[in-house]
Structures are given as C-alpha cells and as structure tokens.
Amino acid sequence: MQHLIKAFEDIFQESKQLPPTREIDHCITLNEGTKPINVRPYMSIFKKLKLKKIHDMLKVRLIRSNTSFFSSPI
C-alpha cells in the first residue's frame, strides 16, 4: 500500500483549497410543501472530535459553510 501511495503521491496530497466550480450544482428535488428535517443529532465523543476538525477546517477556509435548509443542524 505504501508503494502505491508513494507512486501516486500527487493524488494523495491534502487539499489546501476548495474544489473548482462545477457545471451542474447538485440539488435534491422534494415534493411540494415538504418541510426541512431539523432534528438535533446525538453526538458521540468520536463525532465531537470530528466536528472540532471541521471547525478547524472552516477557520482556515479549507471548506465553507453549507447554506442549505436541509443540512444537518450541527
């Protein structure tokens, strides 16, 4: 496995920026009148640690906030 990672080192490098803009923006079509599901999720310690990592990535602008009404309320 290490041989493959070394051979394709450029593919496995950690990204420092957002992905390029795509021609088609992903969209989920719902039935008319459907309300967003907004339920507070249970957070295990493992998930809380992952959330901390996400906040760190937001700080350095490696990712951006989701503005969808249907996103998870974390």
PDB file of N, CA and C in Angstrom:
ATOM      1  N   MET A   1       0.820  -1.184   0.000  1.00  0.00           N
ATOM      2  CA  MET A   1       0.000   0.000   0.000  1.00  0.00           C
ATOM      3  C   MET A   1       0.876   1.265   0.000  1.00  0.00           C
ATOM      4  N   GLN A   2       1.932   1.245   0.793  1.00  0.00           N
ATOM      5  CA  GLN A   2       2.835   2.394   0.842  1.00  0.00           C
ATOM      6  C   GLN A   2       3.469   2.665  -0.518  1.00  0.00           C
ATOM      7  N   HIS A   3       3.733   1.585  -1.268  1.00  0.00           N
ATOM      8  CA  HIS A   3       4.299   1.735  -2.615  1.00  0.00           C
ATOM      9  C   HIS A   3       3.325   2.509  -3.513  1.00  0.00           C
ATOM     10  N   LEU A   4       2.041   2.168  -3.451  1.00  0.00           N
ATOM     11  CA  LEU A   4       1.033   2.857  -4.266  1.00  0.00           C
ATOM     12  C   LEU A   4       0.905   4.321  -3.867  1.00  0.00           C
ATOM     13  N   ILE A   5       0.883   4.562  -2.573  1.00  0.00           N
ATOM     14  CA  ILE A   5       0.774   5.940  -2.093  1.00  0.00           C
ATOM     15  C   ILE A   5       1.965   6.760  -2.568  1.00  0.00           C
ATOM     16  N   LYS A   6       3.141   6.181  -2.513  1.00  0.00           N
ATOM     17  CA  LYS A   6       4.348   6.878  -2.968  1.00  0.00           C
ATOM     18  C   LYS A   6       4.321   7.093  -4.491  1.00  0.00           C
ATOM     19  N   ALA A   7       3.840   6.081  -5.227  1.00  0.00           N
ATOM     20  CA  ALA A   7       3.789   6.176  -6.689  1.00  0.00           C
ATOM     21  C   ALA A   7       2.804   7.259  -7.153  1.00  0.00           C
ATOM     22  N   PHE A   8       1.716   7.450  -6.394  1.00  0.00           N
ATOM     23  CA  PHE A   8       0.693   8.430  -6.762  1.00  0.00           C
ATOM     24  C   PHE A   8       0.617   9.538  -5.710  1.00  0.00           C
ATOM     25  N   GLU A   9       1.768   9.991  -5.290  1.00  0.00           N
ATOM     26  CA  GLU A   9       1.886  10.974  -4.227  1.00  0.00           C
ATOM     27  C   GLU A   9       1.091  12.252  -4.501  1.00  0.00           C
ATOM     28  N   ASP A  10       1.067  12.689  -5.760  1.00  0.00           N
ATOM     29  CA  ASP A  10       0.348  13.919  -6.097  1.00  0.00           C
ATOM     30  C   ASP A  10      -1.155  13.791  -5.878  1.00  0.00           C
ATOM     31  N   ILE A  11      -1.708  12.588  -5.996  1.00  0.00           N
ATOM     32  CA  ILE A  11      -3.142  12.363  -5.799  1.00  0.00           C
ATOM     33  C   ILE A  11      -3.497  12.383  -4.311  1.00  0.00           C
ATOM     34  N   PHE A  12      -2.608  11.889  -3.469  1.00  0.00           N
ATOM     35  CA  PHE A  12      -2.894  11.739  -2.054  1.00  0.00           C
ATOM     36  C   PHE A  12      -2.500  12.942  -1.204  1.00  0.00           C
ATOM     37  N   GLN A  13      -2.095  14.015  -1.817  1.00  0.00           N
ATOM     38  CA  GLN A  13      -1.761  15.206  -1.046  1.00  0.00           C
ATOM     39  C   GLN A  13      -3.032  15.852  -0.518  1.00  0.00           C
ATOM     40  N   GLU A  14      -2.947  16.419   0.701  1.00  0.00           N
ATOM     41  CA  GLU A  14      -4.093  17.077   1.307  1.00  0.00           C
ATOM     42  C   GLU A  14      -4.369  18.380   0.574  1.00  0.00           C
ATOM     43  N   SER A  15      -5.636  18.608   0.240  1.00  0.00           N
ATOM     44  CA  SER A  15      -6.035  19.801  -0.493  1.00  0.00           C
ATOM     45  C   SER A  15      -5.922  21.040   0.379  1.00  0.00           C
ATOM     46  N   LYS A  16      -5.542  22.156  -0.211  1.00  0.00           N
ATOM     47  CA  LYS A  16      -5.404  23.431   0.503  1.00  0.00           C
ATOM     48  C   LYS A  16      -6.441  24.449   0.053  1.00  0.00           C
ATOM     49  N   GLN A  17      -7.361  24.023  -0.823  1.00  0.00           N
ATOM     50  CA  GLN A  17      -8.360  24.957  -1.330  1.00  0.00           C
ATOM     51  C   GLN A  17      -9.660  24.226  -1.647  1.00  0.00           C
ATOM     52  N   LEU A  18     -10.708  24.977  -1.935  1.00  0.00           N
ATOM     53  CA  LEU A  18     -11.996  24.399  -2.302  1.00  0.00           C
ATOM     54  C   LEU A  18     -11.903  23.792  -3.699  1.00  0.00           C
ATOM     55  N   PRO A  19     -12.755  22.808  -3.997  1.00  0.00           N
ATOM     56  CA  PRO A  19     -12.743  22.243  -5.349  1.00  0.00           C
ATOM     57  C   PRO A  19     -13.234  23.273  -6.364  1.00  0.00           C
ATOM     58  N   PRO A  20     -12.921  23.082  -7.639  1.00  0.00           N
ATOM     59  CA  PRO A  20     -13.361  24.042  -8.656  1.00  0.00           C
ATOM     60  C   PRO A  20     -14.877  24.042  -8.806  1.00  0.00           C
ATOM     61  N   THR A  21     -15.410  25.135  -9.322  1.00  0.00           N
ATOM     62  CA  THR A  21     -16.848  25.234  -9.585  1.00  0.00           C
ATOM     63  C   THR A  21     -17.231  24.239 -10.668  1.00  0.00           C
ATOM     64  N   ARG A  22     -18.337  23.558 -10.472  1.00  0.00           N
ATOM     65  CA  ARG A  22     -18.804  22.552 -11.423  1.00  0.00           C
ATOM     66  C   ARG A  22     -19.849  23.157 -12.371  1.00  0.00           C
ATOM     67  N   GLU A  23     -20.052  22.521 -13.513  1.00  0.00           N
ATOM     68  CA  GLU A  23     -21.068  22.984 -14.463  1.00  0.00           C
ATOM     69  C   GLU A  23     -22.466  22.823 -13.886  1.00  0.00           C
ATOM     70  N   ILE A  24     -22.691  21.722 -13.156  1.00  0.00           N
ATOM     71  CA  ILE A  24     -24.007  21.429 -12.603  1.00  0.00           C
ATOM     72  C   ILE A  24     -23.904  21.426 -11.080  1.00  0.00           C
ATOM     73  N   ASP A  25     -24.766  22.209 -10.413  1.00  0.00           N
ATOM     74  CA  ASP A  25     -24.791  22.252  -8.959  1.00  0.00           C
ATOM     75  C   ASP A  25     -25.770  21.185  -8.476  1.00  0.00           C
ATOM     76  N   HIS A  26     -25.341  20.375  -7.510  1.00  0.00           N
ATOM     77  CA  HIS A  26     -26.178  19.293  -7.001  1.00  0.00           C
ATOM     78  C   HIS A  26     -27.424  19.860  -6.333  1.00  0.00           C
ATOM     79  N   CYS A  27     -28.551  19.219  -6.558  1.00  0.00           N
ATOM     80  CA  CYS A  27     -29.820  19.667  -5.991  1.00  0.00           C
ATOM     81  C   CYS A  27     -30.688  18.445  -5.708  1.00  0.00           C
ATOM     82  N   ILE A  28     -31.374  18.452  -4.569  1.00  0.00           N
ATOM     83  CA  ILE A  28     -32.310  17.378  -4.231  1.00  0.00           C
ATOM     84  C   ILE A  28     -33.717  17.932  -4.385  1.00  0.00           C
ATOM     85  N   THR A  29     -34.471  17.378  -5.318  1.00  0.00           N
ATOM     86  CA  THR A  29     -35.826  17.828  -5.571  1.00  0.00           C
ATOM     87  C   THR A  29     -36.783  17.109  -4.622  1.00  0.00           C
ATOM     88  N   LEU A  30     -37.595  17.883  -3.919  1.00  0.00           N
ATOM     89  CA  LEU A  30     -38.553  17.323  -2.963  1.00  0.00           C
ATOM     90  C   LEU A  30     -39.983  17.567  -3.425  1.00  0.00           C
ATOM     91  N   ASN A  31     -40.890  16.852  -2.806  1.00  0.00           N
ATOM     92  CA  ASN A  31     -42.296  17.098  -3.091  1.00  0.00           C
ATOM     93  C   ASN A  31     -42.667  18.493  -2.612  1.00  0.00           C
ATOM     94  N   GLU A  32     -43.588  19.133  -3.290  1.00  0.00           N
ATOM     95  CA  GLU A  32     -44.014  20.477  -2.932  1.00  0.00           C
ATOM     96  C   GLU A  32     -44.577  20.490  -1.507  1.00  0.00           C
ATOM     97  N   GLY A  33     -44.181  21.482  -0.740  1.00  0.00           N
ATOM     98  CA  GLY A  33     -44.686  21.613   0.623  1.00  0.00           C
ATOM     99  C   GLY A  33     -43.884  20.851   1.671  1.00  0.00           C
ATOM    100  N   THR A  34     -42.857  20.116   1.251  1.00  0.00           N
ATOM    101  CA  THR A  34     -42.037  19.355   2.204  1.00  0.00           C
ATOM    102  C   THR A  34     -41.223  20.326   3.041  1.00  0.00           C
ATOM    103  N   LYS A  35     -41.259  20.147   4.346  1.00  0.00           N
ATOM    104  CA  LYS A  35     -40.513  20.997   5.276  1.00  0.00           C
ATOM    105  C   LYS A  35     -39.133  20.389   5.531  1.00  0.00           C
ATOM    106  N   PRO A  36     -38.139  21.216   5.810  1.00  0.00           N
ATOM    107  CA  PRO A  36     -36.807  20.692   6.138  1.00  0.00           C
ATOM    108  C   PRO A  36     -36.857  19.860   7.422  1.00  0.00           C
ATOM    109  N   ILE A  37     -36.090  18.779   7.445  1.00  0.00           N
ATOM    110  CA  ILE A  37     -35.987  17.956   8.642  1.00  0.00           C
ATOM    111  C   ILE A  37     -34.901  18.581   9.501  1.00  0.00           C
ATOM    112  N   ASN A  38     -35.274  19.020  10.679  1.00  0.00           N
ATOM    113  CA  ASN A  38     -34.339  19.732  11.543  1.00  0.00           C
ATOM    114  C   ASN A  38     -34.354  19.068  12.909  1.00  0.00           C
ATOM    115  N   VAL A  39     -33.577  18.006  13.058  1.00  0.00           N
ATOM    116  CA  VAL A  39     -33.518  17.245  14.301  1.00  0.00           C
ATOM    117  C   VAL A  39     -32.101  17.312  14.846  1.00  0.00           C
ATOM    118  N   ARG A  40     -31.976  17.666  16.120  1.00  0.00           N
ATOM    119  CA  ARG A  40     -30.647  17.734  16.731  1.00  0.00           C
ATOM    120  C   ARG A  40     -30.094  16.322  16.883  1.00  0.00           C
ATOM    121  N   PRO A  41     -28.925  16.042  16.282  1.00  0.00           N
ATOM    122  CA  PRO A  41     -28.367  14.697  16.349  1.00  0.00           C
ATOM    123  C   PRO A  41     -27.675  14.423  17.688  1.00  0.00           C
ATOM    124  N   TYR A  42     -27.643  13.168  18.080  1.00  0.00           N
ATOM    125  CA  TYR A  42     -26.859  12.748  19.234  1.00  0.00           C
ATOM    126  C   TYR A  42     -25.395  12.764  18.820  1.00  0.00           C
ATOM    127  N   MET A  43     -24.544  13.286  19.673  1.00  0.00           N
ATOM    128  CA  MET A  43     -23.123  13.356  19.339  1.00  0.00           C
ATOM    129  C   MET A  43     -22.300  12.477  20.267  1.00  0.00           C
ATOM    130  N   SER A  44     -21.669  11.476  19.716  1.00  0.00           N
ATOM    131  CA  SER A  44     -20.721  10.674  20.485  1.00  0.00           C
ATOM    132  C   SER A  44     -19.414  11.467  20.605  1.00  0.00           C
ATOM    133  N   ILE A  45     -18.542  11.046  21.481  1.00  0.00           N
ATOM    134  CA  ILE A  45     -17.249  11.718  21.642  1.00  0.00           C
ATOM    135  C   ILE A  45     -16.471  11.691  20.326  1.00  0.00           C
ATOM    136  N   PHE A  46     -16.545  10.557  19.610  1.00  0.00           N
ATOM    137  CA  PHE A  46     -15.863  10.436  18.324  1.00  0.00           C
ATOM    138  C   PHE A  46     -16.374  11.498  17.346  1.00  0.00           C
ATOM    139  N   LYS A  47     -17.693  11.667  17.292  1.00  0.00           N
ATOM    140  CA  LYS A  47     -18.271  12.658  16.385  1.00  0.00           C
ATOM    141  C   LYS A  47     -17.925  14.082  16.816  1.00  0.00           C
ATOM    142  N   LYS A  48     -17.874  14.317  18.122  1.00  0.00           N
ATOM    143  CA  LYS A  48     -17.497  15.651  18.602  1.00  0.00           C
ATOM    144  C   LYS A  48     -16.081  15.994  18.179  1.00  0.00           C
ATOM    145  N   LEU A  49     -15.188  15.016  18.216  1.00  0.00           N
ATOM    146  CA  LEU A  49     -13.815  15.248  17.771  1.00  0.00           C
ATOM    147  C   LEU A  49     -13.770  15.555  16.277  1.00  0.00           C
ATOM    148  N   LYS A  50     -14.601  14.838  15.511  1.00  0.00           N
ATOM    149  CA  LYS A  50     -14.681  15.104  14.067  1.00  0.00           C
ATOM    150  C   LYS A  50     -15.218  16.506  13.815  1.00  0.00           C
ATOM    151  N   LEU A  51     -16.221  16.919  14.609  1.00  0.00           N
ATOM    152  CA  LEU A  51     -16.794  18.252  14.465  1.00  0.00           C
ATOM    153  C   LEU A  51     -15.752  19.326  14.752  1.00  0.00           C
ATOM    154  N   LYS A  52     -14.908  19.094  15.730  1.00  0.00           N
ATOM    155  CA  LYS A  52     -13.825  20.028  16.047  1.00  0.00           C
ATOM    156  C   LYS A  52     -12.897  20.172  14.838  1.00  0.00           C
ATOM    157  N   LYS A  53     -12.613  19.047  14.186  1.00  0.00           N
ATOM    158  CA  LYS A  53     -11.762  19.073  12.992  1.00  0.00           C
ATOM    159  C   LYS A  53     -12.430  19.892  11.878  1.00  0.00           C
ATOM    160  N   ILE A  54     -13.748  19.747  11.751  1.00  0.00           N
ATOM    161  CA  ILE A  54     -14.498  20.504  10.743  1.00  0.00           C
ATOM    162  C   ILE A  54     -14.410  21.998  11.039  1.00  0.00           C
ATOM    163  N   HIS A  55     -14.592  22.376  12.298  1.00  0.00           N
ATOM    164  CA  HIS A  55     -14.486  23.789  12.671  1.00  0.00           C
ATOM    165  C   HIS A  55     -13.094  24.331  12.361  1.00  0.00           C
ATOM    166  N   ASP A  56     -12.071  23.531  12.604  1.00  0.00           N
ATOM    167  CA  ASP A  56     -10.702  23.949  12.284  1.00  0.00           C
ATOM    168  C   ASP A  56     -10.541  24.174  10.782  1.00  0.00           C
ATOM    169  N   MET A  57     -11.135  23.291   9.964  1.00  0.00           N
ATOM    170  CA  MET A  57     -11.045  23.442   8.504  1.00  0.00           C
ATOM    171  C   MET A  57     -11.813  24.687   8.050  1.00  0.00           C
ATOM    172  N   LEU A  58     -12.936  25.001   8.716  1.00  0.00           N
ATOM    173  CA  LEU A  58     -13.677  26.221   8.399  1.00  0.00           C
ATOM    174  C   LEU A  58     -12.831  27.465   8.696  1.00  0.00           C
ATOM    175  N   LYS A  59     -12.110  27.430   9.812  1.00  0.00           N
ATOM    176  CA  LYS A  59     -11.275  28.570  10.200  1.00  0.00           C
ATOM    177  C   LYS A  59     -10.225  28.889   9.153  1.00  0.00           C
ATOM    178  N   VAL A  60      -9.601  27.855   8.594  1.00  0.00           N
ATOM    179  CA  VAL A  60      -8.544  28.084   7.599  1.00  0.00           C
ATOM    180  C   VAL A  60      -9.089  28.127   6.173  1.00  0.00           C
ATOM    181  N   ARG A  61     -10.420  28.114   6.064  1.00  0.00           N
ATOM    182  CA  ARG A  61     -11.124  28.237   4.772  1.00  0.00           C
ATOM    183  C   ARG A  61     -10.805  27.100   3.805  1.00  0.00           C
ATOM    184  N   LEU A  62     -10.554  25.912   4.360  1.00  0.00           N
ATOM    185  CA  LEU A  62     -10.356  24.734   3.525  1.00  0.00           C
ATOM    186  C   LEU A  62     -11.720  24.233   3.030  1.00  0.00           C
ATOM    187  N   ILE A  63     -12.761  24.482   3.826  1.00  0.00           N
ATOM    188  CA  ILE A  63     -14.144  24.177   3.456  1.00  0.00           C
ATOM    189  C   ILE A  63     -14.986  25.408   3.751  1.00  0.00           C
ATOM    190  N   ARG A  64     -16.224  25.433   3.269  1.00  0.00           N
ATOM    191  CA  ARG A  64     -17.122  26.549   3.553  1.00  0.00           C
ATOM    192  C   ARG A  64     -18.414  26.030   4.153  1.00  0.00           C
ATOM    193  N   SER A  65     -19.162  26.903   4.798  1.00  0.00           N
ATOM    194  CA  SER A  65     -20.418  26.531   5.444  1.00  0.00           C
ATOM    195  C   SER A  65     -21.468  26.148   4.406  1.00  0.00           C
ATOM    196  N   ASN A  66     -22.335  25.228   4.785  1.00  0.00           N
ATOM    197  CA  ASN A  66     -23.439  24.821   3.939  1.00  0.00           C
ATOM    198  C   ASN A  66     -24.625  25.726   4.224  1.00  0.00           C
ATOM    199  N   THR A  67     -25.250  26.262   3.196  1.00  0.00           N
ATOM    200  CA  THR A  67     -26.369  27.176   3.392  1.00  0.00           C
ATOM    201  C   THR A  67     -27.710  26.514   3.088  1.00  0.00           C
ATOM    202  N   SER A  68     -27.735  25.219   2.863  1.00  0.00           N
ATOM    203  CA  SER A  68     -28.964  24.511   2.533  1.00  0.00           C
ATOM    204  C   SER A  68     -29.879  24.416   3.747  1.00  0.00           C
ATOM    205  N   PHE A  69     -31.184  24.543   3.530  1.00  0.00           N
ATOM    206  CA  PHE A  69     -32.173  24.369   4.588  1.00  0.00           C
ATOM    207  C   PHE A  69     -32.208  22.926   5.075  1.00  0.00           C
ATOM    208  N   PHE A  70     -31.685  22.007   4.292  1.00  0.00           N
ATOM    209  CA  PHE A  70     -31.754  20.597   4.603  1.00  0.00           C
ATOM    210  C   PHE A  70     -30.440  20.058   5.158  1.00  0.00           C
ATOM    211  N   SER A  71     -29.524  20.935   5.517  1.00  0.00           N
ATOM    212  CA  SER A  71     -28.255  20.483   6.074  1.00  0.00           C
ATOM    213  C   SER A  71     -28.424  20.105   7.534  1.00  0.00           C
ATOM    214  N   SER A  72     -27.482  19.352   8.043  1.00  0.00           N
ATOM    215  CA  SER A  72     -27.516  18.927   9.431  1.00  0.00           C
ATOM    216  C   SER A  72     -27.338  20.133  10.360  1.00  0.00           C
ATOM    217  N   PRO A  73     -28.099  20.198  11.442  1.00  0.00           N
ATOM    218  CA  PRO A  73     -28.051  21.380  12.319  1.00  0.00           C
ATOM    219  C   PRO A  73     -26.934  21.341  13.348  1.00  0.00           C
ATOM    220  N   ILE A  74     -25.727  20.938  12.957  1.00  0.00           N
ATOM    221  CA  ILE A  74     -24.638  20.884  13.934  1.00  0.00           C
ATOM    222  C   ILE A  74     -23.867  22.171  13.939  1.00  0.00           C
TER     223      ILE A  74
END
